[in-house]
Amino acid sequence: MTTDSHFRQLVAAAQDQPDPHRLLFVFAAAELPQDSTPTQRARFLAGQGGALVPLMCVDKAPEDLRDFDALTEESHRAGPPWTMVFAAGLAGRNGHPPDKREIDGALQVMVEAVRDGGFGRFAAYDRDGDPIIFE
């Protein structure tokens, strides 16, 4: 399985829908909360734990996504370094893609879900494009 095959499946599924879709992405990084304990600090320094902080978000038409590497390159030019990206699809209606208001609202819901830890319903990828499974 190639590194971004899961991502390619996500894009292909969005392209195969009867109504045009947009793919929504929220890029996030782990940060150590100011009120963390010494144990939490040690885990964070070892690459575990921390609080996810949304850094930026974007929507894309599936046909505009060549592969995960292209999304990564664009994100590096657009914003701060990130640790993981969350993805979701947003369906259009009656042959039309979702409008800007729907997209903005859905992105806001995603940002809040990531901030609040309710991101289990989204696809998640690390910086290499490997899927992240939350248990």
N, C-alpha and C. Protein backbone atom coordinates (compact mmCIF):
# COMPACT_ATOMS: atom_id res chain seq x y z
N MET A 1 0.86 -1.17 0.00
CA MET A 1 0.00 0.00 0.00
C MET A 1 0.90 1.24 0.00
N THR A 2 0.67 2.16 -0.93
CA THR A 2 1.47 3.37 -0.96
C THR A 2 1.11 4.27 0.20
N THR A 3 2.02 5.18 0.51
CA THR A 3 1.84 6.04 1.67
C THR A 3 0.51 6.77 1.66
N ASP A 4 0.09 7.29 0.49
CA ASP A 4 -1.12 8.09 0.49
C ASP A 4 -2.32 7.37 -0.14
N SER A 5 -2.30 6.02 -0.16
CA SER A 5 -3.42 5.30 -0.80
C SER A 5 -4.74 5.55 -0.08
N HIS A 6 -4.73 5.67 1.24
CA HIS A 6 -5.95 5.98 1.99
C HIS A 6 -6.47 7.35 1.57
N PHE A 7 -5.56 8.30 1.45
CA PHE A 7 -5.93 9.65 1.02
C PHE A 7 -6.50 9.62 -0.40
N ARG A 8 -5.87 8.87 -1.28
CA ARG A 8 -6.37 8.75 -2.67
C ARG A 8 -7.76 8.13 -2.69
N GLN A 9 -8.02 7.19 -1.79
CA GLN A 9 -9.36 6.59 -1.69
C GLN A 9 -10.38 7.62 -1.26
N LEU A 10 -10.01 8.48 -0.33
CA LEU A 10 -10.90 9.55 0.13
C LEU A 10 -11.25 10.47 -1.04
N VAL A 11 -10.24 10.88 -1.79
CA VAL A 11 -10.46 11.77 -2.94
C VAL A 11 -11.31 11.07 -3.99
N ALA A 12 -11.01 9.81 -4.29
CA ALA A 12 -11.78 9.07 -5.29
C ALA A 12 -13.24 8.92 -4.87
N ALA A 13 -13.48 8.67 -3.59
CA ALA A 13 -14.86 8.54 -3.11
C ALA A 13 -15.62 9.85 -3.29
N ALA A 14 -14.97 10.96 -3.03
CA ALA A 14 -15.62 12.27 -3.21
C ALA A 14 -15.91 12.52 -4.68
N GLN A 15 -15.00 12.12 -5.55
CA GLN A 15 -15.21 12.32 -6.99
C GLN A 15 -16.33 11.45 -7.53
N ASP A 16 -16.56 10.30 -6.91
CA ASP A 16 -17.56 9.34 -7.39
C ASP A 16 -18.98 9.64 -6.94
N GLN A 17 -19.18 10.67 -6.15
CA GLN A 17 -20.51 10.99 -5.64
C GLN A 17 -21.38 11.62 -6.73
N PRO A 18 -22.69 11.42 -6.66
CA PRO A 18 -23.56 11.99 -7.69
C PRO A 18 -23.59 13.52 -7.69
N ASP A 19 -23.48 14.14 -6.53
CA ASP A 19 -23.43 15.60 -6.46
C ASP A 19 -21.99 16.02 -6.15
N PRO A 20 -21.57 17.16 -6.69
CA PRO A 20 -20.20 17.62 -6.44
C PRO A 20 -19.93 17.81 -4.95
N HIS A 21 -18.76 17.40 -4.54
CA HIS A 21 -18.32 17.50 -3.14
C HIS A 21 -17.16 18.49 -3.03
N ARG A 22 -16.96 18.95 -1.82
CA ARG A 22 -15.74 19.66 -1.45
C ARG A 22 -15.09 18.84 -0.35
N LEU A 23 -13.79 18.79 -0.36
CA LEU A 23 -13.07 18.15 0.74
C LEU A 23 -12.58 19.24 1.67
N LEU A 24 -12.81 19.04 2.95
CA LEU A 24 -12.48 20.03 3.97
C LEU A 24 -11.30 19.52 4.79
N PHE A 25 -10.36 20.41 5.07
CA PHE A 25 -9.15 20.04 5.80
C PHE A 25 -8.90 21.01 6.95
N VAL A 26 -8.60 20.46 8.12
CA VAL A 26 -8.19 21.26 9.27
C VAL A 26 -6.81 20.75 9.68
N PHE A 27 -5.83 21.63 9.61
CA PHE A 27 -4.46 21.31 9.99
C PHE A 27 -4.27 21.68 11.46
N ALA A 28 -3.64 20.78 12.21
CA ALA A 28 -3.50 20.98 13.65
C ALA A 28 -2.11 20.57 14.13
N ALA A 29 -1.76 21.07 15.29
CA ALA A 29 -0.51 20.69 15.95
C ALA A 29 -0.80 20.42 17.42
N ALA A 30 0.05 19.61 18.02
CA ALA A 30 -0.07 19.35 19.45
C ALA A 30 0.72 20.40 20.21
N GLU A 31 0.11 20.92 21.25
CA GLU A 31 0.78 21.88 22.13
C GLU A 31 0.64 21.41 23.56
N LEU A 32 1.56 21.83 24.37
CA LEU A 32 1.52 21.50 25.78
C LEU A 32 0.73 22.58 26.52
N PRO A 33 -0.36 22.20 27.19
CA PRO A 33 -1.13 23.20 27.95
C PRO A 33 -0.27 23.83 29.05
N GLN A 34 -0.52 25.09 29.35
CA GLN A 34 0.26 25.80 30.36
C GLN A 34 0.13 25.18 31.74
N ASP A 35 -1.01 24.58 32.04
CA ASP A 35 -1.23 24.00 33.36
C ASP A 35 -0.87 22.51 33.41
N SER A 36 0.02 22.07 32.53
CA SER A 36 0.36 20.65 32.47
C SER A 36 1.19 20.22 33.68
N THR A 37 1.08 18.95 33.99
CA THR A 37 1.84 18.38 35.10
C THR A 37 3.22 17.96 34.60
N PRO A 38 4.15 17.69 35.48
CA PRO A 38 5.46 17.19 35.05
C PRO A 38 5.36 15.90 34.22
N THR A 39 4.45 15.03 34.58
CA THR A 39 4.26 13.79 33.82
C THR A 39 3.77 14.10 32.41
N GLN A 40 2.81 15.02 32.30
CA GLN A 40 2.31 15.41 30.99
C GLN A 40 3.42 16.04 30.15
N ARG A 41 4.25 16.87 30.79
CA ARG A 41 5.38 17.50 30.08
C ARG A 41 6.35 16.44 29.56
N ALA A 42 6.64 15.45 30.37
CA ALA A 42 7.56 14.39 29.97
C ALA A 42 6.99 13.60 28.79
N ARG A 43 5.70 13.28 28.86
CA ARG A 43 5.06 12.56 27.74
C ARG A 43 5.09 13.39 26.47
N PHE A 44 4.82 14.68 26.61
CA PHE A 44 4.81 15.57 25.45
C PHE A 44 6.20 15.64 24.82
N LEU A 45 7.22 15.76 25.64
CA LEU A 45 8.59 15.82 25.13
C LEU A 45 9.01 14.51 24.48
N ALA A 46 8.34 13.42 24.86
CA ALA A 46 8.61 12.12 24.25
C ALA A 46 7.75 11.90 22.99
N GLY A 47 7.00 12.93 22.59
CA GLY A 47 6.19 12.82 21.37
C GLY A 47 4.81 12.26 21.58
N GLN A 48 4.32 12.26 22.81
CA GLN A 48 2.98 11.76 23.10
C GLN A 48 2.20 12.81 23.87
N GLY A 49 0.90 12.80 23.71
CA GLY A 49 0.05 13.69 24.48
C GLY A 49 0.04 15.11 23.96
N GLY A 50 -0.44 16.01 24.80
CA GLY A 50 -0.62 17.40 24.42
C GLY A 50 -2.05 17.64 23.99
N ALA A 51 -2.35 18.89 23.71
CA ALA A 51 -3.68 19.29 23.26
C ALA A 51 -3.60 19.67 21.79
N LEU A 52 -4.54 19.19 20.99
CA LEU A 52 -4.56 19.54 19.58
C LEU A 52 -5.09 20.95 19.40
N VAL A 53 -4.37 21.73 18.62
CA VAL A 53 -4.74 23.11 18.35
C VAL A 53 -4.91 23.28 16.85
N PRO A 54 -6.11 23.64 16.38
CA PRO A 54 -6.29 23.90 14.95
C PRO A 54 -5.47 25.12 14.53
N LEU A 55 -4.77 25.01 13.42
CA LEU A 55 -3.91 26.09 12.94
C LEU A 55 -4.45 26.79 11.71
N MET A 56 -5.03 26.02 10.80
CA MET A 56 -5.58 26.59 9.57
C MET A 56 -6.51 25.57 8.94
N CYS A 57 -7.37 26.06 8.05
CA CYS A 57 -8.29 25.16 7.37
C CYS A 57 -8.47 25.62 5.93
N VAL A 58 -8.90 24.66 5.10
CA VAL A 58 -9.09 24.95 3.68
C VAL A 58 -10.08 23.95 3.10
N ASP A 59 -10.74 24.35 2.03
CA ASP A 59 -11.57 23.42 1.29
C ASP A 59 -10.99 23.28 -0.11
N LYS A 60 -11.18 22.10 -0.70
CA LYS A 60 -10.65 21.80 -2.02
C LYS A 60 -11.67 20.98 -2.80
N ALA A 61 -11.73 21.23 -4.10
CA ALA A 61 -12.48 20.33 -4.97
C ALA A 61 -11.64 19.07 -5.13
N PRO A 62 -12.26 17.90 -5.12
CA PRO A 62 -11.48 16.66 -5.23
C PRO A 62 -10.58 16.63 -6.47
N GLU A 63 -11.04 17.17 -7.56
CA GLU A 63 -10.24 17.15 -8.79
C GLU A 63 -9.02 18.08 -8.72
N ASP A 64 -8.98 18.94 -7.72
CA ASP A 64 -7.83 19.83 -7.54
C ASP A 64 -6.73 19.22 -6.67
N LEU A 65 -6.96 18.01 -6.18
CA LEU A 65 -5.98 17.35 -5.31
C LEU A 65 -5.25 16.26 -6.08
N ARG A 66 -4.02 16.54 -6.43
CA ARG A 66 -3.21 15.55 -7.16
C ARG A 66 -2.87 14.38 -6.25
N ASP A 67 -2.35 14.70 -5.05
CA ASP A 67 -1.99 13.68 -4.08
C ASP A 67 -1.71 14.36 -2.74
N PHE A 68 -1.39 13.57 -1.74
CA PHE A 68 -1.16 14.12 -0.41
C PHE A 68 0.06 15.03 -0.39
N ASP A 69 1.09 14.67 -1.12
CA ASP A 69 2.30 15.50 -1.16
C ASP A 69 1.99 16.91 -1.66
N ALA A 70 1.12 17.02 -2.66
CA ALA A 70 0.77 18.34 -3.18
C ALA A 70 0.03 19.16 -2.12
N LEU A 71 -0.87 18.51 -1.39
CA LEU A 71 -1.58 19.21 -0.30
C LEU A 71 -0.59 19.66 0.76
N THR A 72 0.35 18.81 1.10
CA THR A 72 1.37 19.14 2.09
C THR A 72 2.22 20.32 1.65
N GLU A 73 2.68 20.29 0.41
CA GLU A 73 3.50 21.40 -0.11
C GLU A 73 2.74 22.72 -0.03
N GLU A 74 1.50 22.71 -0.45
CA GLU A 74 0.69 23.93 -0.41
C GLU A 74 0.50 24.41 1.03
N SER A 75 0.27 23.48 1.95
CA SER A 75 0.05 23.87 3.35
C SER A 75 1.31 24.49 3.95
N HIS A 76 2.47 24.00 3.56
CA HIS A 76 3.73 24.56 4.09
C HIS A 76 3.94 25.98 3.60
N ARG A 77 3.51 26.27 2.39
CA ARG A 77 3.61 27.64 1.87
C ARG A 77 2.59 28.57 2.52
N ALA A 78 1.45 28.01 2.93
CA ALA A 78 0.34 28.84 3.41
C ALA A 78 0.34 29.12 4.90
N GLY A 79 0.96 28.27 5.69
CA GLY A 79 0.81 28.47 7.12
C GLY A 79 1.88 27.82 7.96
N PRO A 80 1.62 27.75 9.27
CA PRO A 80 2.61 27.23 10.21
C PRO A 80 2.77 25.72 10.11
N PRO A 81 3.85 25.19 10.67
CA PRO A 81 4.05 23.74 10.68
C PRO A 81 2.92 23.04 11.44
N TRP A 82 2.51 21.89 10.96
CA TRP A 82 1.43 21.15 11.57
C TRP A 82 1.87 19.71 11.82
N THR A 83 1.12 19.03 12.68
CA THR A 83 1.42 17.66 13.06
C THR A 83 0.49 16.67 12.36
N MET A 84 -0.78 17.05 12.22
CA MET A 84 -1.76 16.19 11.57
C MET A 84 -2.81 17.03 10.88
N VAL A 85 -3.48 16.39 9.92
CA VAL A 85 -4.56 17.06 9.21
C VAL A 85 -5.80 16.18 9.27
N PHE A 86 -6.92 16.82 9.53
CA PHE A 86 -8.21 16.14 9.56
C PHE A 86 -8.94 16.45 8.27
N ALA A 87 -9.66 15.46 7.74
CA ALA A 87 -10.35 15.63 6.46
C ALA A 87 -11.79 15.13 6.56
N ALA A 88 -12.65 15.80 5.81
CA ALA A 88 -14.06 15.40 5.72
C ALA A 88 -14.59 15.84 4.36
N GLY A 89 -15.65 15.21 3.93
CA GLY A 89 -16.31 15.59 2.69
C GLY A 89 -17.58 16.35 2.98
N LEU A 90 -17.90 17.28 2.08
CA LEU A 90 -19.14 18.05 2.19
C LEU A 90 -19.85 17.96 0.85
N ALA A 91 -21.07 17.41 0.87
CA ALA A 91 -21.82 17.18 -0.35
C ALA A 91 -22.55 18.43 -0.82
N GLY A 92 -22.63 18.57 -2.12
CA GLY A 92 -23.46 19.58 -2.73
C GLY A 92 -24.87 19.03 -2.92
N ARG A 93 -25.68 19.77 -3.65
CA ARG A 93 -27.05 19.34 -3.91
C ARG A 93 -27.46 19.73 -5.32
N ASN A 94 -28.31 18.88 -5.90
CA ASN A 94 -28.91 19.18 -7.21
C ASN A 94 -27.86 19.51 -8.27
N GLY A 95 -26.75 18.78 -8.25
CA GLY A 95 -25.72 18.98 -9.26
C GLY A 95 -24.79 20.15 -9.02
N HIS A 96 -24.93 20.83 -7.88
CA HIS A 96 -24.10 21.99 -7.57
C HIS A 96 -23.27 21.71 -6.32
N PRO A 97 -22.03 22.19 -6.29
CA PRO A 97 -21.22 22.02 -5.09
C PRO A 97 -21.77 22.86 -3.95
N PRO A 98 -21.33 22.59 -2.72
CA PRO A 98 -21.76 23.42 -1.59
C PRO A 98 -21.33 24.87 -1.81
N ASP A 99 -22.13 25.80 -1.30
CA ASP A 99 -21.76 27.21 -1.46
C ASP A 99 -20.81 27.64 -0.34
N LYS A 100 -20.28 28.84 -0.46
CA LYS A 100 -19.27 29.35 0.48
C LYS A 100 -19.79 29.35 1.92
N ARG A 101 -21.03 29.72 2.11
CA ARG A 101 -21.60 29.75 3.46
C ARG A 101 -21.63 28.36 4.08
N GLU A 102 -22.03 27.35 3.30
CA GLU A 102 -22.05 25.98 3.80
C GLU A 102 -20.64 25.49 4.11
N ILE A 103 -19.71 25.80 3.23
CA ILE A 103 -18.32 25.38 3.42
C ILE A 103 -17.74 26.03 4.68
N ASP A 104 -17.92 27.35 4.81
CA ASP A 104 -17.40 28.06 5.98
C ASP A 104 -17.99 27.52 7.27
N GLY A 105 -19.29 27.23 7.26
CA GLY A 105 -19.95 26.68 8.45
C GLY A 105 -19.42 25.30 8.80
N ALA A 106 -19.23 24.46 7.79
CA ALA A 106 -18.72 23.11 8.04
C ALA A 106 -17.27 23.15 8.53
N LEU A 107 -16.47 24.04 7.96
CA LEU A 107 -15.09 24.18 8.44
C LEU A 107 -15.06 24.65 9.89
N GLN A 108 -15.95 25.56 10.25
CA GLN A 108 -16.01 26.04 11.64
C GLN A 108 -16.38 24.91 12.59
N VAL A 109 -17.32 24.06 12.17
CA VAL A 109 -17.70 22.91 12.99
C VAL A 109 -16.50 21.98 13.16
N MET A 110 -15.74 21.75 12.09
CA MET A 110 -14.55 20.90 12.18
C MET A 110 -13.51 21.49 13.12
N VAL A 111 -13.25 22.79 12.98
CA VAL A 111 -12.26 23.45 13.84
C VAL A 111 -12.65 23.29 15.30
N GLU A 112 -13.92 23.54 15.61
CA GLU A 112 -14.38 23.41 16.99
C GLU A 112 -14.29 21.96 17.47
N ALA A 113 -14.61 21.00 16.61
CA ALA A 113 -14.53 19.59 16.99
C ALA A 113 -13.08 19.20 17.30
N VAL A 114 -12.15 19.66 16.49
CA VAL A 114 -10.74 19.37 16.77
C VAL A 114 -10.33 20.01 18.09
N ARG A 115 -10.71 21.24 18.28
CA ARG A 115 -10.37 21.96 19.51
C ARG A 115 -10.94 21.25 20.75
N ASP A 116 -12.15 20.69 20.60
CA ASP A 116 -12.83 20.06 21.74
C ASP A 116 -12.56 18.56 21.85
N GLY A 117 -11.75 18.01 20.95
CA GLY A 117 -11.43 16.58 21.00
C GLY A 117 -12.46 15.69 20.36
N GLY A 118 -13.41 16.24 19.61
CA GLY A 118 -14.46 15.45 18.97
C GLY A 118 -14.16 15.18 17.50
N PHE A 119 -12.97 14.72 17.21
CA PHE A 119 -12.53 14.58 15.82
C PHE A 119 -12.60 13.15 15.31
N GLY A 120 -13.19 12.24 16.07
CA GLY A 120 -13.24 10.84 15.69
C GLY A 120 -14.01 10.56 14.41
N ARG A 121 -14.85 11.46 14.00
CA ARG A 121 -15.63 11.23 12.78
C ARG A 121 -14.92 11.69 11.51
N PHE A 122 -13.73 12.25 11.64
CA PHE A 122 -12.96 12.73 10.49
C PHE A 122 -11.84 11.76 10.16
N ALA A 123 -11.45 11.74 8.90
CA ALA A 123 -10.21 11.04 8.53
C ALA A 123 -9.07 11.89 9.07
N ALA A 124 -8.00 11.25 9.50
CA ALA A 124 -6.85 11.98 10.03
C ALA A 124 -5.58 11.39 9.43
N TYR A 125 -4.63 12.28 9.14
CA TYR A 125 -3.37 11.87 8.52
C TYR A 125 -2.21 12.56 9.22
N ASP A 126 -1.08 11.86 9.31
CA ASP A 126 0.12 12.51 9.82
C ASP A 126 0.81 13.25 8.67
N ARG A 127 1.95 13.85 8.94
CA ARG A 127 2.64 14.67 7.93
C ARG A 127 3.11 13.86 6.72
N ASP A 128 3.22 12.53 6.89
CA ASP A 128 3.66 11.67 5.79
C ASP A 128 2.48 11.14 4.97
N GLY A 129 1.26 11.47 5.38
CA GLY A 129 0.09 10.98 4.67
C GLY A 129 -0.43 9.65 5.18
N ASP A 130 0.17 9.15 6.25
CA ASP A 130 -0.31 7.89 6.82
C ASP A 130 -1.54 8.15 7.67
N PRO A 131 -2.56 7.31 7.55
CA PRO A 131 -3.76 7.49 8.36
C PRO A 131 -3.45 7.33 9.84
N ILE A 132 -4.13 8.14 10.64
CA ILE A 132 -4.00 8.06 12.10
C ILE A 132 -5.29 7.45 12.62
N ILE A 133 -5.12 6.43 13.44
CA ILE A 133 -6.27 5.77 14.06
C ILE A 133 -6.27 6.15 15.54
N PHE A 134 -7.37 6.73 16.00
CA PHE A 134 -7.52 7.11 17.40
C PHE A 134 -8.27 6.02 18.13
N GLU A 135 -7.69 5.55 19.22
CA GLU A 135 -8.32 4.47 19.99
C GLU A 135 -8.75 4.97 21.34
